[in-house]
Amino acid sequence: MRKVRTTIHALIGAIVVIGGFAVATPTAQAITIPVACSENDLVAAVNLANSTAAADTLVLASGCTYGLTSPHGGLANGLPVITTRIEMIGPATITRSSLLLFRIAEVGGTGDLTLTTSVAITNGSVVGNGGGILNRGAVTFTRSSLSGNVATLNGGGLANVDTPSGTAPAATFTRSPVFDNTALLRGGGIYNGLRGTLTTTGVSGSPMPVIGNTGLQGGGIAAASSTATTMTQTAVSGNVALLTAGGVLRVGGTMTTTNSPISANTPNNCVGSTPAVPNCTG
């Protein structure tokens, strides 16, 4: 088995076994973990990062496709549940390579997952919410992508969990395409659940695409009541709803759209939203 080499900036910590080797891990300071191109190494690296109190960085093998053949975070999660601050740096792909149904990742209430430099989350499929990622804490996509995921409930790509009280989940997408995801209920691409926060941002002349997603309502994006949704330089187009609001469904909450065209969705763009989606017609 390959050893995950670990850069450690502390001398005292717990002993954890990775790839057959015992390594010391810090209890308070950050670590950087180069992750070899294998499912076992990625799972071990997430477990190691979860064991430290500080923010840790997983440097994924460049160009690697991490195929998850079984769940490692309960029955529904491909990776161990994220419970601390973890950044994954690509370019790399994390995908489900199995007939078993499970999402790629769940972020717990204390978790904070950042995906940057072309990390692709794809082919998750779950009975429940969040086909790609189920978020109870914080998720940040930066120049990464979310595609080809399926949920039988809400949020084919990502679901911010409905949170009646306590700290609500937050998802941030910056120049990170969300495409070809499917939810059998709301939010084919993204579901911003009760009290959740969703922020999407592109750049002038190159808006962030939310495209080709499918749901019962809100084919591209669905926002539940008491949510905060902000879309800037985001293009929501070519999405499909089997009932209404092929582009964006708003069910209460606050919503701001700036230079964010919502167009060419089926059977309409935002019809059925209450109140209306700002700057959206048809």
C-alpha atoms as a PDB file:
ATOM      1  CA  MET A   1       0.000   0.000   0.000  1.00  0.00           C
ATOM      2  CA  ARG A   2       1.214   3.476  -0.750  1.00  0.00           C
ATOM      3  CA  LYS A   3       2.143   5.768   2.054  1.00  0.00           C
ATOM      4  CA  VAL A   4       0.485   9.172   2.272  1.00  0.00           C
ATOM      5  CA  ARG A   5       3.353  11.522   2.964  1.00  0.00           C
ATOM      6  CA  THR A   6       2.378  14.165   5.472  1.00  0.00           C
ATOM      7  CA  THR A   7       3.919  17.566   6.169  1.00  0.00           C
ATOM      8  CA  ILE A   8       3.389  18.240   9.842  1.00  0.00           C
ATOM      9  CA  HIS A   9       3.950  21.536  11.578  1.00  0.00           C
ATOM     10  CA  ALA A  10       3.741  20.227  15.130  1.00  0.00           C
ATOM     11  CA  LEU A  11       5.793  17.768  17.124  1.00  0.00           C
ATOM     12  CA  ILE A  12       3.209  16.392  19.507  1.00  0.00           C
ATOM     13  CA  GLY A  13      -0.053  14.700  18.536  1.00  0.00           C
ATOM     14  CA  ALA A  14      -1.959  11.497  18.098  1.00  0.00           C
ATOM     15  CA  ILE A  15      -0.663   8.452  16.255  1.00  0.00           C
ATOM     16  CA  VAL A  16      -2.667   7.520  13.155  1.00  0.00           C
ATOM     17  CA  VAL A  17      -2.025   4.648  10.746  1.00  0.00           C
ATOM     18  CA  ILE A  18      -2.098   5.570   7.036  1.00  0.00           C
ATOM     19  CA  GLY A  19      -1.170   3.107   4.322  1.00  0.00           C
ATOM     20  CA  GLY A  20       0.334   0.758   6.867  1.00  0.00           C
ATOM     21  CA  PHE A  21       2.579   3.420   8.408  1.00  0.00           C
ATOM     22  CA  ALA A  22       2.172   5.040  11.821  1.00  0.00           C
ATOM     23  CA  VAL A  23       2.457   8.819  11.639  1.00  0.00           C
ATOM     24  CA  ALA A  24       2.196  11.511  14.277  1.00  0.00           C
ATOM     25  CA  THR A  25      -0.584  14.031  13.727  1.00  0.00           C
ATOM     26  CA  PRO A  26      -0.959  17.457  15.338  1.00  0.00           C
ATOM     27  CA  THR A  27      -3.823  18.208  17.642  1.00  0.00           C
ATOM     28  CA  ALA A  28      -3.981  21.939  16.987  1.00  0.00           C
ATOM     29  CA  GLN A  29      -1.904  22.975  13.980  1.00  0.00           C
ATOM     30  CA  ALA A  30      -2.623  22.588  10.280  1.00  0.00           C
ATOM     31  CA  ILE A  31      -1.192  19.831   8.124  1.00  0.00           C
ATOM     32  CA  THR A  32      -0.704  19.455   4.389  1.00  0.00           C
ATOM     33  CA  ILE A  33      -1.346  15.990   2.978  1.00  0.00           C
ATOM     34  CA  PRO A  34      -0.279  14.959  -0.543  1.00  0.00           C
ATOM     35  CA  VAL A  35      -2.872  12.327  -1.523  1.00  0.00           C
ATOM     36  CA  ALA A  36      -1.799   9.484  -3.799  1.00  0.00           C
ATOM     37  CA  CYS A  37      -4.167   8.486  -6.592  1.00  0.00           C
ATOM     38  CA  SER A  38      -6.256   5.837  -4.853  1.00  0.00           C
ATOM     39  CA  GLU A  39      -9.580   5.576  -3.040  1.00  0.00           C
ATOM     40  CA  ASN A  40      -7.947   4.263   0.130  1.00  0.00           C
ATOM     41  CA  ASP A  41      -5.435   7.102   0.269  1.00  0.00           C
ATOM     42  CA  LEU A  42      -8.140   9.732  -0.157  1.00  0.00           C
ATOM     43  CA  VAL A  43     -10.297   8.194   2.569  1.00  0.00           C
ATOM     44  CA  ALA A  44      -7.322   7.945   4.909  1.00  0.00           C
ATOM     45  CA  ALA A  45      -6.368  11.568   4.224  1.00  0.00           C
ATOM     46  CA  VAL A  46      -9.889  12.804   5.032  1.00  0.00           C
ATOM     47  CA  ASN A  47      -9.893  10.804   8.264  1.00  0.00           C
ATOM     48  CA  LEU A  48      -6.508  12.261   9.186  1.00  0.00           C
ATOM     49  CA  ALA A  49      -7.645  15.816   8.421  1.00  0.00           C
ATOM     50  CA  ASN A  50     -10.796  15.277  10.484  1.00  0.00           C
ATOM     51  CA  SER A  51      -8.602  14.324  13.438  1.00  0.00           C
ATOM     52  CA  THR A  52      -6.914  17.732  13.647  1.00  0.00           C
ATOM     53  CA  ALA A  53      -8.402  20.889  15.099  1.00  0.00           C
ATOM     54  CA  ALA A  54      -6.982  23.332  12.538  1.00  0.00           C
ATOM     55  CA  ALA A  55      -7.654  23.823   8.826  1.00  0.00           C
ATOM     56  CA  ASP A  56      -5.897  21.150   6.768  1.00  0.00           C
ATOM     57  CA  THR A  57      -5.036  20.912   3.060  1.00  0.00           C
ATOM     58  CA  LEU A  58      -5.317  17.809   0.904  1.00  0.00           C
ATOM     59  CA  VAL A  59      -3.234  18.127  -2.270  1.00  0.00           C
ATOM     60  CA  LEU A  60      -4.873  15.716  -4.682  1.00  0.00           C
ATOM     61  CA  ALA A  61      -2.814  13.861  -7.272  1.00  0.00           C
ATOM     62  CA  SER A  62      -2.840  15.990 -10.416  1.00  0.00           C
ATOM     63  CA  GLY A  63      -5.215  14.638 -13.038  1.00  0.00           C
ATOM     64  CA  CYS A  64      -6.289  11.717 -10.853  1.00  0.00           C
ATOM     65  CA  THR A  65      -9.803  10.253 -10.890  1.00  0.00           C
ATOM     66  CA  TYR A  66     -10.600   9.033  -7.401  1.00  0.00           C
ATOM     67  CA  GLY A  67     -13.202   6.339  -8.001  1.00  0.00           C
ATOM     68  CA  LEU A  68     -15.181   5.531  -4.867  1.00  0.00           C
ATOM     69  CA  THR A  69     -16.272   1.904  -4.954  1.00  0.00           C
ATOM     70  CA  SER A  70     -18.106   1.884  -1.613  1.00  0.00           C
ATOM     71  CA  PRO A  71     -19.356   4.329   1.034  1.00  0.00           C
ATOM     72  CA  HIS A  72     -16.932   5.315   3.802  1.00  0.00           C
ATOM     73  CA  GLY A  73     -19.109   7.749   5.792  1.00  0.00           C
ATOM     74  CA  GLY A  74     -22.149   5.706   6.757  1.00  0.00           C
ATOM     75  CA  LEU A  75     -24.255   4.021   4.113  1.00  0.00           C
ATOM     76  CA  ALA A  76     -24.955   7.172   2.088  1.00  0.00           C
ATOM     77  CA  ASN A  77     -21.585   8.963   1.833  1.00  0.00           C
ATOM     78  CA  GLY A  78     -18.658   8.057  -0.372  1.00  0.00           C
ATOM     79  CA  LEU A  79     -16.132   9.951   1.760  1.00  0.00           C
ATOM     80  CA  PRO A  80     -15.999  10.118   5.554  1.00  0.00           C
ATOM     81  CA  VAL A  81     -18.284  12.906   6.808  1.00  0.00           C
ATOM     82  CA  ILE A  82     -16.345  16.197   6.836  1.00  0.00           C
ATOM     83  CA  THR A  83     -16.294  17.484  10.429  1.00  0.00           C
ATOM     84  CA  THR A  84     -13.445  20.039  10.378  1.00  0.00           C
ATOM     85  CA  ARG A  85     -11.989  22.610   7.967  1.00  0.00           C
ATOM     86  CA  ILE A  86     -10.574  20.814   4.935  1.00  0.00           C
ATOM     87  CA  GLU A  87      -9.373  22.202   1.600  1.00  0.00           C
ATOM     88  CA  MET A  88      -8.899  19.910  -1.397  1.00  0.00           C
ATOM     89  CA  ILE A  89      -6.685  21.200  -4.212  1.00  0.00           C
ATOM     90  CA  GLY A  90      -6.873  19.742  -7.735  1.00  0.00           C
ATOM     91  CA  PRO A  91      -6.915  19.256 -10.615  1.00  0.00           C
ATOM     92  CA  ALA A  92      -8.647  15.966  -9.847  1.00  0.00           C
ATOM     93  CA  THR A  93     -12.012  14.207 -10.051  1.00  0.00           C
ATOM     94  CA  ILE A  94     -13.889  12.497  -7.226  1.00  0.00           C
ATOM     95  CA  THR A  95     -16.588  10.170  -8.537  1.00  0.00           C
ATOM     96  CA  ARG A  96     -18.753   7.176  -7.599  1.00  0.00           C
ATOM     97  CA  SER A  97     -17.477   4.053  -9.359  1.00  0.00           C
ATOM     98  CA  SER A  98     -20.017   1.569  -8.076  1.00  0.00           C
ATOM     99  CA  LEU A  99     -23.538   0.232  -8.538  1.00  0.00           C
ATOM    100  CA  LEU A 100     -24.141   1.129  -4.897  1.00  0.00           C
ATOM    101  CA  LEU A 101     -26.041   4.366  -4.329  1.00  0.00           C
ATOM    102  CA  PHE A 102     -24.240   7.028  -2.305  1.00  0.00           C
ATOM    103  CA  ARG A 103     -23.426  10.732  -2.578  1.00  0.00           C
ATOM    104  CA  ILE A 104     -19.818  11.855  -2.846  1.00  0.00           C
ATOM    105  CA  ALA A 105     -19.629  13.794   0.425  1.00  0.00           C
ATOM    106  CA  GLU A 106     -21.530  15.068   3.442  1.00  0.00           C
ATOM    107  CA  VAL A 107     -20.327  18.129   5.333  1.00  0.00           C
ATOM    108  CA  GLY A 108     -21.319  18.016   9.000  1.00  0.00           C
ATOM    109  CA  GLY A 109     -22.465  20.966  11.077  1.00  0.00           C
ATOM    110  CA  THR A 110     -18.904  21.647  12.247  1.00  0.00           C
ATOM    111  CA  GLY A 111     -17.424  20.938   8.821  1.00  0.00           C
ATOM    112  CA  ASP A 112     -16.056  23.369   6.240  1.00  0.00           C
ATOM    113  CA  LEU A 113     -15.069  21.956   2.834  1.00  0.00           C
ATOM    114  CA  THR A 114     -13.269  24.008   0.184  1.00  0.00           C
ATOM    115  CA  LEU A 115     -12.672  22.632  -3.319  1.00  0.00           C
ATOM    116  CA  THR A 116     -10.287  24.634  -5.453  1.00  0.00           C
ATOM    117  CA  THR A 117      -8.292  24.446  -8.696  1.00  0.00           C
ATOM    118  CA  SER A 118     -10.480  22.149 -10.793  1.00  0.00           C
ATOM    119  CA  VAL A 119     -11.814  19.604  -8.340  1.00  0.00           C
ATOM    120  CA  ALA A 120     -14.763  17.858 -10.040  1.00  0.00           C
ATOM    121  CA  ILE A 121     -17.500  16.224  -7.960  1.00  0.00           C
ATOM    122  CA  THR A 122     -19.445  13.868 -10.183  1.00  0.00           C
ATOM    123  CA  ASN A 123     -21.716  10.809 -10.464  1.00  0.00           C
ATOM    124  CA  GLY A 124     -22.997  10.768  -6.893  1.00  0.00           C
ATOM    125  CA  SER A 125     -26.423   9.134  -6.603  1.00  0.00           C
ATOM    126  CA  VAL A 126     -28.362   8.999  -3.346  1.00  0.00           C
ATOM    127  CA  VAL A 127     -31.741   8.078  -1.922  1.00  0.00           C
ATOM    128  CA  GLY A 128     -32.341  11.384  -0.171  1.00  0.00           C
ATOM    129  CA  ASN A 129     -31.042  14.952  -0.524  1.00  0.00           C
ATOM    130  CA  GLY A 130     -27.784  16.130  -2.056  1.00  0.00           C
ATOM    131  CA  GLY A 131     -26.688  13.753  -4.794  1.00  0.00           C
ATOM    132  CA  GLY A 132     -23.193  15.222  -4.977  1.00  0.00           C
ATOM    133  CA  ILE A 133     -22.849  16.972  -1.620  1.00  0.00           C
ATOM    134  CA  LEU A 134     -25.144  17.231   1.405  1.00  0.00           C
ATOM    135  CA  ASN A 135     -24.187  20.358   3.331  1.00  0.00           C
ATOM    136  CA  ARG A 136     -24.881  20.994   7.008  1.00  0.00           C
ATOM    137  CA  GLY A 137     -21.907  23.332   7.473  1.00  0.00           C
ATOM    138  CA  ALA A 138     -19.999  25.279   4.826  1.00  0.00           C
ATOM    139  CA  VAL A 139     -18.976  24.364   1.276  1.00  0.00           C
ATOM    140  CA  THR A 140     -16.895  26.510  -1.083  1.00  0.00           C
ATOM    141  CA  PHE A 141     -16.310  25.726  -4.758  1.00  0.00           C
ATOM    142  CA  THR A 142     -13.604  27.828  -6.425  1.00  0.00           C
ATOM    143  CA  ARG A 143     -12.881  27.122 -10.107  1.00  0.00           C
ATOM    144  CA  SER A 144     -14.203  23.603  -9.583  1.00  0.00           C
ATOM    145  CA  SER A 145     -17.343  21.795 -10.778  1.00  0.00           C
ATOM    146  CA  LEU A 146     -20.424  19.819  -9.759  1.00  0.00           C
ATOM    147  CA  SER A 147     -21.936  17.574 -12.419  1.00  0.00           C
ATOM    148  CA  GLY A 148     -23.843  14.390 -13.193  1.00  0.00           C
ATOM    149  CA  ASN A 149     -25.166  13.802  -9.674  1.00  0.00           C
ATOM    150  CA  VAL A 150     -28.654  12.500  -8.746  1.00  0.00           C
ATOM    151  CA  ALA A 151     -30.861  12.829  -5.647  1.00  0.00           C
ATOM    152  CA  THR A 152     -34.286  11.254  -5.136  1.00  0.00           C
ATOM    153  CA  LEU A 153     -35.343  14.296  -3.075  1.00  0.00           C
ATOM    154  CA  ASN A 154     -33.828  17.821  -3.246  1.00  0.00           C
ATOM    155  CA  GLY A 155     -30.528  19.121  -4.593  1.00  0.00           C
ATOM    156  CA  GLY A 156     -29.241  16.883  -7.344  1.00  0.00           C
ATOM    157  CA  GLY A 157     -25.827  18.536  -7.234  1.00  0.00           C
ATOM    158  CA  LEU A 158     -25.789  20.073  -3.754  1.00  0.00           C
ATOM    159  CA  ALA A 159     -28.346  20.481  -0.988  1.00  0.00           C
ATOM    160  CA  ASN A 160     -28.081  22.925   1.878  1.00  0.00           C
ATOM    161  CA  VAL A 161     -29.971  21.012   4.562  1.00  0.00           C
ATOM    162  CA  ASP A 162     -33.267  22.482   5.817  1.00  0.00           C
ATOM    163  CA  THR A 163     -32.239  23.936   9.188  1.00  0.00           C
ATOM    164  CA  PRO A 164     -35.097  25.233  11.382  1.00  0.00           C
ATOM    165  CA  SER A 165     -32.724  26.475  14.123  1.00  0.00           C
ATOM    166  CA  GLY A 166     -29.057  26.780  14.977  1.00  0.00           C
ATOM    167  CA  THR A 167     -26.267  27.542  12.549  1.00  0.00           C
ATOM    168  CA  ALA A 168     -27.558  27.267   8.994  1.00  0.00           C
ATOM    169  CA  PRO A 169     -25.471  25.855   6.116  1.00  0.00           C
ATOM    170  CA  ALA A 170     -23.766  28.066   3.544  1.00  0.00           C
ATOM    171  CA  ALA A 171     -22.627  27.205   0.016  1.00  0.00           C
ATOM    172  CA  THR A 172     -20.433  29.464  -2.137  1.00  0.00           C
ATOM    173  CA  PHE A 173     -19.642  28.899  -5.819  1.00  0.00           C
ATOM    174  CA  THR A 174     -17.076  31.048  -7.623  1.00  0.00           C
ATOM    175  CA  ARG A 175     -16.528  30.388 -11.336  1.00  0.00           C
ATOM    176  CA  SER A 176     -17.624  26.793 -10.732  1.00  0.00           C
ATOM    177  CA  PRO A 177     -20.057  25.254 -13.264  1.00  0.00           C
ATOM    178  CA  VAL A 178     -23.063  23.290 -12.014  1.00  0.00           C
ATOM    179  CA  PHE A 179     -24.398  21.109 -14.816  1.00  0.00           C
ATOM    180  CA  ASP A 180     -26.281  17.918 -15.721  1.00  0.00           C
ATOM    181  CA  ASN A 181     -27.466  17.152 -12.183  1.00  0.00           C
ATOM    182  CA  THR A 182     -30.927  15.738 -11.364  1.00  0.00           C
ATOM    183  CA  ALA A 183     -33.289  15.942  -8.374  1.00  0.00           C
ATOM    184  CA  LEU A 184     -36.655  14.221  -8.324  1.00  0.00           C
ATOM    185  CA  LEU A 185     -38.089  17.071  -6.241  1.00  0.00           C
ATOM    186  CA  ARG A 186     -36.589  20.586  -6.033  1.00  0.00           C
ATOM    187  CA  GLY A 187     -33.292  22.050  -7.150  1.00  0.00           C
ATOM    188  CA  GLY A 188     -31.903  19.890  -9.911  1.00  0.00           C
ATOM    189  CA  GLY A 189     -28.593  21.733  -9.674  1.00  0.00           C
ATOM    190  CA  ILE A 190     -28.672  23.300  -6.210  1.00  0.00           C
ATOM    191  CA  TYR A 191     -31.212  23.303  -3.370  1.00  0.00           C
ATOM    192  CA  ASN A 192     -30.835  26.096  -0.822  1.00  0.00           C
ATOM    193  CA  GLY A 193     -32.737  24.698   2.145  1.00  0.00           C
ATOM    194  CA  LEU A 194     -34.588  26.418   4.961  1.00  0.00           C
ATOM    195  CA  ARG A 195     -32.425  29.252   6.393  1.00  0.00           C
ATOM    196  CA  GLY A 196     -29.514  28.343   4.126  1.00  0.00           C
ATOM    197  CA  THR A 197     -27.207  30.773   2.329  1.00  0.00           C
ATOM    198  CA  LEU A 198     -26.227  30.362  -1.327  1.00  0.00           C
ATOM    199  CA  THR A 199     -23.819  32.623  -3.222  1.00  0.00           C
ATOM    200  CA  THR A 200     -22.829  32.142  -6.872  1.00  0.00           C
ATOM    201  CA  THR A 201     -20.347  34.362  -8.691  1.00  0.00           C
ATOM    202  CA  GLY A 202     -18.827  34.516 -12.179  1.00  0.00           C
ATOM    203  CA  VAL A 203     -16.942  37.295 -13.917  1.00  0.00           C
ATOM    204  CA  SER A 204     -17.931  39.851 -16.492  1.00  0.00           C
ATOM    205  CA  GLY A 205     -17.994  38.265 -19.925  1.00  0.00           C
ATOM    206  CA  SER A 206     -17.750  34.774 -18.440  1.00  0.00           C
ATOM    207  CA  PRO A 207     -20.738  34.152 -16.172  1.00  0.00           C
ATOM    208  CA  MET A 208     -20.799  31.054 -14.014  1.00  0.00           C
ATOM    209  CA  PRO A 209     -23.051  28.502 -15.769  1.00  0.00           C
ATOM    210  CA  VAL A 210     -25.882  26.606 -14.113  1.00  0.00           C
ATOM    211  CA  ILE A 211     -26.974  24.552 -17.096  1.00  0.00           C
ATOM    212  CA  GLY A 212     -28.600  21.302 -18.130  1.00  0.00           C
ATOM    213  CA  ASN A 213     -29.952  20.387 -14.681  1.00  0.00           C
ATOM    214  CA  THR A 214     -33.359  18.749 -14.109  1.00  0.00           C
ATOM    215  CA  GLY A 215     -35.865  18.761 -11.243  1.00  0.00           C
ATOM    216  CA  LEU A 216     -39.570  18.590 -10.532  1.00  0.00           C
ATOM    217  CA  GLN A 217     -39.451  22.309  -9.638  1.00  0.00           C
ATOM    218  CA  GLY A 218     -36.497  24.650  -9.895  1.00  0.00           C
ATOM    219  CA  GLY A 219     -34.535  22.745 -12.492  1.00  0.00           C
ATOM    220  CA  GLY A 220     -31.453  24.919 -12.007  1.00  0.00           C
ATOM    221  CA  ILE A 221     -31.784  26.331  -8.487  1.00  0.00           C
ATOM    222  CA  ALA A 222     -34.470  26.104  -5.810  1.00  0.00           C
ATOM    223  CA  ALA A 223     -34.516  28.322  -2.722  1.00  0.00           C
ATOM    224  CA  ALA A 224     -36.756  27.473   0.232  1.00  0.00           C
ATOM    225  CA  SER A 225     -38.283  29.939   2.718  1.00  0.00           C
ATOM    226  CA  SER A 226     -36.079  32.098   4.956  1.00  0.00           C
ATOM    227  CA  THR A 227     -33.070  31.580   2.699  1.00  0.00           C
ATOM    228  CA  ALA A 228     -30.543  34.088   1.407  1.00  0.00           C
ATOM    229  CA  THR A 229     -29.620  33.587  -2.241  1.00  0.00           C
ATOM    230  CA  THR A 230     -27.242  35.894  -4.121  1.00  0.00           C
ATOM    231  CA  MET A 231     -26.387  35.365  -7.777  1.00  0.00           C
ATOM    232  CA  THR A 232     -23.813  37.587  -9.477  1.00  0.00           C
ATOM    233  CA  GLN A 233     -22.615  37.055 -13.052  1.00  0.00           C
ATOM    234  CA  THR A 234     -24.393  33.692 -13.076  1.00  0.00           C
ATOM    235  CA  ALA A 235     -26.146  32.313 -16.171  1.00  0.00           C
ATOM    236  CA  VAL A 236     -29.023  29.915 -15.456  1.00  0.00           C
ATOM    237  CA  SER A 237     -30.076  28.403 -18.762  1.00  0.00           C
ATOM    238  CA  GLY A 238     -31.032  25.166 -20.462  1.00  0.00           C
ATOM    239  CA  ASN A 239     -32.428  23.640 -17.274  1.00  0.00           C
ATOM    240  CA  VAL A 240     -35.650  21.614 -17.122  1.00  0.00           C
ATOM    241  CA  ALA A 241     -38.445  21.351 -14.558  1.00  0.00           C
ATOM    242  CA  LEU A 242     -41.113  18.702 -14.943  1.00  0.00           C
ATOM    243  CA  LEU A 243     -43.688  21.068 -13.386  1.00  0.00           C
ATOM    244  CA  THR A 244     -42.618  24.705 -13.312  1.00  0.00           C
ATOM    245  CA  ALA A 245     -39.706  27.111 -12.752  1.00  0.00           C
ATOM    246  CA  GLY A 246     -37.218  25.393 -15.015  1.00  0.00           C
ATOM    247  CA  GLY A 247     -34.566  27.970 -14.147  1.00  0.00           C
ATOM    248  CA  VAL A 248     -35.009  29.257 -10.585  1.00  0.00           C
ATOM    249  CA  LEU A 249     -37.694  28.503  -7.988  1.00  0.00           C
ATOM    250  CA  ARG A 250     -38.027  30.921  -5.085  1.00  0.00           C
ATOM    251  CA  VAL A 251     -40.246  30.056  -2.130  1.00  0.00           C
ATOM    252  CA  GLY A 252     -39.807  33.075   0.131  1.00  0.00           C
ATOM    253  CA  GLY A 253     -36.480  34.253   1.522  1.00  0.00           C
ATOM    254  CA  THR A 254     -34.313  37.012   0.125  1.00  0.00           C
ATOM    255  CA  MET A 255     -32.867  36.822  -3.367  1.00  0.00           C
ATOM    256  CA  THR A 256     -30.567  39.126  -5.317  1.00  0.00           C
ATOM    257  CA  THR A 257     -29.581  38.696  -8.957  1.00  0.00           C
ATOM    258  CA  THR A 258     -26.950  40.933 -10.570  1.00  0.00           C
ATOM    259  CA  ASN A 259     -26.007  40.535 -14.228  1.00  0.00           C
ATOM    260  CA  SER A 260     -27.381  37.005 -14.011  1.00  0.00           C
ATOM    261  CA  PRO A 261     -29.490  36.049 -17.034  1.00  0.00           C
ATOM    262  CA  ILE A 262     -32.132  33.384 -16.403  1.00  0.00           C
ATOM    263  CA  SER A 263     -33.224  32.244 -19.844  1.00  0.00           C
ATOM    264  CA  ALA A 264     -34.102  29.366 -22.186  1.00  0.00           C
ATOM    265  CA  ASN A 265     -35.261  27.077 -19.404  1.00  0.00           C
ATOM    266  CA  THR A 266     -38.134  24.587 -19.785  1.00  0.00           C
ATOM    267  CA  PRO A 267     -41.113  24.909 -19.434  1.00  0.00           C
ATOM    268  CA  ASN A 268     -40.403  28.443 -18.188  1.00  0.00           C
ATOM    269  CA  ASN A 269     -37.763  30.383 -16.322  1.00  0.00           C
ATOM    270  CA  CYS A 270     -39.197  31.287 -12.918  1.00  0.00           C
ATOM    271  CA  VAL A 271     -43.002  30.934 -13.111  1.00  0.00           C
ATOM    272  CA  GLY A 272     -44.397  29.591  -9.846  1.00  0.00           C
ATOM    273  CA  SER A 273     -41.984  31.504  -7.622  1.00  0.00           C
ATOM    274  CA  THR A 274     -43.445  33.423  -4.670  1.00  0.00           C
ATOM    275  CA  PRO A 275     -42.302  36.122  -4.396  1.00  0.00           C
ATOM    276  CA  ALA A 276     -40.956  36.611  -7.896  1.00  0.00           C
ATOM    277  CA  VAL A 277     -37.314  36.037  -8.798  1.00  0.00           C
ATOM    278  CA  PRO A 278     -35.643  39.440  -9.373  1.00  0.00           C
ATOM    279  CA  ASN A 279     -34.827  40.253 -12.992  1.00  0.00           C
ATOM    280  CA  CYS A 280     -36.429  37.084 -14.290  1.00  0.00           C
ATOM    281  CA  THR A 281     -39.239  36.945 -16.848  1.00  0.00           C
ATOM    282  CA  GLY A 282     -41.078  34.070 -18.424  1.00  0.00           C
END
